[in-house]
Protein backbone atom coordinates (compact mmCIF):
# COMPACT_ATOMS: atom_id res chain seq x y z
CA UNK A 1 -0.07 -0.07 0.02
CA UNK A 2 1.30 3.40 -0.99
CA UNK A 3 1.92 6.00 1.42
CA UNK A 4 0.35 9.40 1.49
CA UNK A 5 2.67 12.54 1.58
CA UNK A 6 1.62 13.19 5.03
CA UNK A 7 2.46 9.64 6.19
CA UNK A 8 5.95 9.77 4.39
CA UNK A 9 6.59 13.09 6.31
CA UNK A 10 5.77 11.44 9.64
CA UNK A 11 7.77 8.43 8.93
CA UNK A 12 10.82 10.64 8.10
CA UNK A 13 10.43 12.63 10.95
CA UNK A 14 10.21 9.46 12.99
CA UNK A 15 13.47 8.22 11.52
CA UNK A 16 15.14 11.56 11.84
CA UNK A 17 14.33 11.35 15.59
CA UNK A 18 15.56 7.77 16.09
CA UNK A 19 18.63 8.67 14.18
CA UNK A 20 19.57 11.53 16.42
CA UNK A 21 19.61 9.40 19.47
CA UNK A 22 21.45 6.50 17.91
CA UNK A 23 24.83 5.05 18.99
CA UNK A 24 24.79 2.68 16.04
CA UNK A 25 22.58 1.65 13.07
CA UNK A 26 22.59 -1.62 11.31
CA UNK A 27 20.91 -2.15 8.01
CA UNK A 28 19.41 -5.79 7.59
CA UNK A 29 17.76 -7.42 4.49
CA UNK A 30 14.67 -9.35 5.39
CA UNK A 31 12.84 -12.07 3.54
CA UNK A 32 10.32 -14.07 4.87
CA UNK A 33 10.11 -12.97 8.35
CA UNK A 34 6.94 -13.88 10.10
CA UNK A 35 4.91 -11.31 12.37
CA UNK A 36 5.83 -13.26 15.00
CA UNK A 37 9.61 -13.45 14.48
CA UNK A 38 9.46 -9.65 14.15
CA UNK A 39 7.41 -9.21 17.34
CA UNK A 40 10.04 -11.39 19.08
CA UNK A 41 13.04 -9.56 17.75
CA UNK A 42 11.60 -6.24 18.62
CA UNK A 43 10.76 -7.43 22.16
CA UNK A 44 14.42 -8.64 22.54
CA UNK A 45 15.90 -5.36 21.31
CA UNK A 46 13.74 -3.44 23.67
CA UNK A 47 15.74 -5.19 26.49
CA UNK A 48 19.04 -3.29 25.32
CA UNK A 49 17.22 -0.04 24.24
CA UNK A 50 17.38 -0.64 20.61
CA UNK A 51 14.63 -0.66 17.86
CA UNK A 52 13.86 -2.69 14.65
CA UNK A 53 12.22 -0.17 12.14
CA UNK A 54 11.06 -0.92 8.69
CA UNK A 55 11.14 1.84 6.13
CA UNK A 56 11.33 2.77 2.71
CA UNK A 57 14.84 3.19 1.12
CA UNK A 58 14.24 6.68 -0.13
CA UNK A 59 13.01 7.89 3.40
CA UNK A 60 16.12 6.03 5.02
CA UNK A 61 18.51 7.94 2.55
CA UNK A 62 16.86 11.24 3.39
CA UNK A 63 17.04 10.80 7.07
CA UNK A 64 20.49 9.99 7.03
CA UNK A 65 21.39 12.95 4.89
CA UNK A 66 19.57 15.20 7.13
CA UNK A 67 20.95 13.73 10.43
CA UNK A 68 24.49 12.65 9.51
CA UNK A 69 24.96 14.51 6.27
CA UNK A 70 25.73 11.31 4.59
CA UNK A 71 24.80 10.06 1.29
CA UNK A 72 23.97 6.35 1.40
CA UNK A 73 24.94 4.33 -1.53
CA UNK A 74 22.23 2.00 -3.20
CA UNK A 75 24.45 -0.91 -3.07
CA UNK A 76 24.30 -0.74 0.84
CA UNK A 77 20.51 -0.88 0.76
CA UNK A 78 19.48 -4.15 -1.44
CA UNK A 79 16.03 -5.33 -1.00
CA UNK A 80 13.77 -4.74 1.68
CA UNK A 81 15.65 -2.81 4.36
CA UNK A 82 15.11 -2.58 8.17
CA UNK A 83 17.10 -0.31 10.62
CA UNK A 84 18.26 -1.95 13.79
CA UNK A 85 18.94 1.23 15.91
CA UNK A 86 20.90 1.20 19.08
CA UNK A 87 20.49 3.89 21.65
CA UNK A 88 22.30 2.85 24.94
CA UNK A 89 25.04 0.47 23.95
CA UNK A 90 26.31 0.56 20.29
CA UNK A 91 26.99 -3.21 20.02
CA UNK A 92 24.09 -4.71 22.23
CA UNK A 93 21.32 -4.25 19.75
CA UNK A 94 23.57 -5.49 16.80
CA UNK A 95 24.39 -8.39 18.98
CA UNK A 96 20.81 -9.19 19.72
CA UNK A 97 19.96 -9.23 16.03
CA UNK A 98 23.26 -11.59 15.49
CA UNK A 99 21.81 -14.04 17.92
CA UNK A 100 18.23 -13.77 16.24
CA UNK A 101 20.03 -14.51 12.86
CA UNK A 102 21.31 -17.82 13.98
CA UNK A 103 17.67 -18.83 14.92
CA UNK A 104 15.98 -17.78 11.80
CA UNK A 105 18.45 -18.70 9.39
CA UNK A 106 18.66 -16.93 5.99
CA UNK A 107 15.54 -15.01 6.76
CA UNK A 108 17.66 -11.90 8.00
CA UNK A 109 21.16 -10.63 6.71
CA UNK A 110 23.41 -7.82 7.36
CA UNK A 111 23.49 -5.27 4.66
CA UNK A 112 25.67 -2.61 6.30
CA UNK A 113 25.41 -0.14 9.07
CA UNK A 114 26.73 3.03 10.52
CA UNK A 115 29.05 2.84 13.55
CA UNK A 116 31.28 5.35 15.39
CA UNK A 117 30.52 8.04 12.40
CA UNK A 118 31.29 5.81 9.74
CA UNK A 119 29.42 3.69 7.12
CA UNK A 120 30.37 0.14 7.37
CA UNK A 121 29.67 -2.75 4.91
CA UNK A 122 28.04 -5.98 5.60
CA UNK A 123 31.29 -7.76 6.78
CA UNK A 124 32.33 -4.92 9.08
CA UNK A 125 28.95 -4.62 10.61
CA UNK A 126 28.66 -8.41 11.22
CA UNK A 127 32.21 -8.46 12.91
CA UNK A 128 31.07 -5.49 15.25
CA UNK A 129 27.78 -7.52 16.10
CA UNK A 130 29.80 -10.39 17.00
CA UNK A 131 31.64 -8.42 19.65
CA UNK A 132 30.59 -8.68 23.36
CA UNK A 133 28.43 -5.79 24.78
CA UNK A 134 29.65 -3.09 27.04
CA UNK A 135 27.61 -4.81 29.77
CA UNK A 136 29.52 -8.36 29.23
CA UNK A 137 32.87 -6.41 28.94
CA UNK A 138 32.06 -4.62 32.21
CA UNK A 139 31.11 -8.00 33.89
CA UNK A 140 34.60 -9.49 32.65
CA UNK A 141 36.43 -6.53 34.15
CA UNK A 142 35.02 -6.84 37.50
CA UNK A 143 35.50 -10.49 37.66
CA UNK A 144 39.16 -10.04 36.73
CA UNK A 145 39.45 -7.50 39.33
CA UNK A 146 37.68 -9.63 41.92
CA UNK A 147 40.13 -12.62 41.46
CA UNK A 148 43.17 -10.92 43.18
CA UNK A 149 41.00 -9.37 46.08
CA UNK A 150 39.54 -12.94 46.65
CA UNK A 151 43.06 -14.43 47.08
CA UNK A 152 43.91 -11.74 49.40
CA UNK A 153 41.01 -12.36 51.54
CA UNK A 154 41.56 -15.99 51.61
CA UNK A 155 45.24 -15.23 52.73
CA UNK A 156 44.18 -12.96 55.53
CA UNK A 157 41.44 -15.34 56.59
CA UNK A 158 44.25 -18.27 56.76
CA UNK A 159 46.58 -15.89 58.88
CA UNK A 160 43.85 -15.01 61.12
CA UNK A 161 43.07 -18.70 61.72
CA UNK A 162 46.95 -19.44 62.22
CA UNK A 163 46.96 -16.58 64.83
CA UNK A 164 44.19 -17.88 66.58
CA UNK A 165 45.52 -21.61 66.51
CA UNK A 166 48.88 -20.43 67.92
CA UNK A 167 47.40 -17.95 70.51
CA UNK A 168 49.40 -15.09 69.03
CA UNK A 169 47.96 -11.42 68.69
CA UNK A 170 50.03 -10.37 65.76
CA UNK A 171 51.11 -11.90 62.45
CA UNK A 172 54.86 -10.76 63.27
CA UNK A 173 54.82 -12.98 66.23
CA UNK A 174 54.33 -16.09 63.92
CA UNK A 175 57.37 -18.17 63.22
CA UNK A 176 58.54 -18.86 59.72
CA UNK A 177 58.71 -22.54 59.83
CA UNK A 178 58.89 -23.40 56.35
CA UNK A 179 61.79 -20.84 55.62
CA UNK A 180 63.82 -22.16 58.57
CA UNK A 181 63.43 -25.69 57.38
CA UNK A 182 64.54 -24.61 53.87
CA UNK A 183 67.42 -22.80 55.11
CA UNK A 184 68.47 -25.70 57.51
CA UNK A 185 68.52 -28.16 54.54
CA UNK A 186 70.51 -25.75 52.47
CA UNK A 187 73.19 -25.48 55.28
CA UNK A 188 73.24 -29.23 55.71
CA UNK A 189 73.64 -29.73 51.94
CA UNK A 190 76.68 -27.16 51.89
CA UNK A 191 78.26 -29.06 54.72
CA UNK A 192 77.98 -32.33 52.96
CA UNK A 193 79.54 -30.79 49.81
């Protein structure tokens, strides 16, 4: 069904508004997606503050020109195009679509995208989409920071137990039994040699 001029203006204004707040934009080609699949994808994207929007290519080009001052090439927009617009985490929305692509096989493919101020081709945007999200990376960072702290906490716990067992009040009062044994063995070895 053809859109009226007023509807096109409304769609264009909505696209511009979405693009102004976007951290990244992915272009997908879609063939044979069911309404249920699109609904599930949109639900998953809302979890990471991203949207999935279908629009006519001419309106997408106009919106990109107005918002980013970029002329999109026709080769970047083959077939029916949808936009995956990520607002919070530039990679999270793209990653959700990447996971969805594995579920629906051949029904949705990357055509390109816009990331960190540059237009990207399909391969580049697919590589970006495969990266872990900011939330995942922060989780890994916290985990790597906790490991040394956990080791230190276990050391202090063991030292406190040893102090308690030996009835001492300071760590300095503990005797270095292992070091003394090792130094006695070295002294005996030197004497034998």
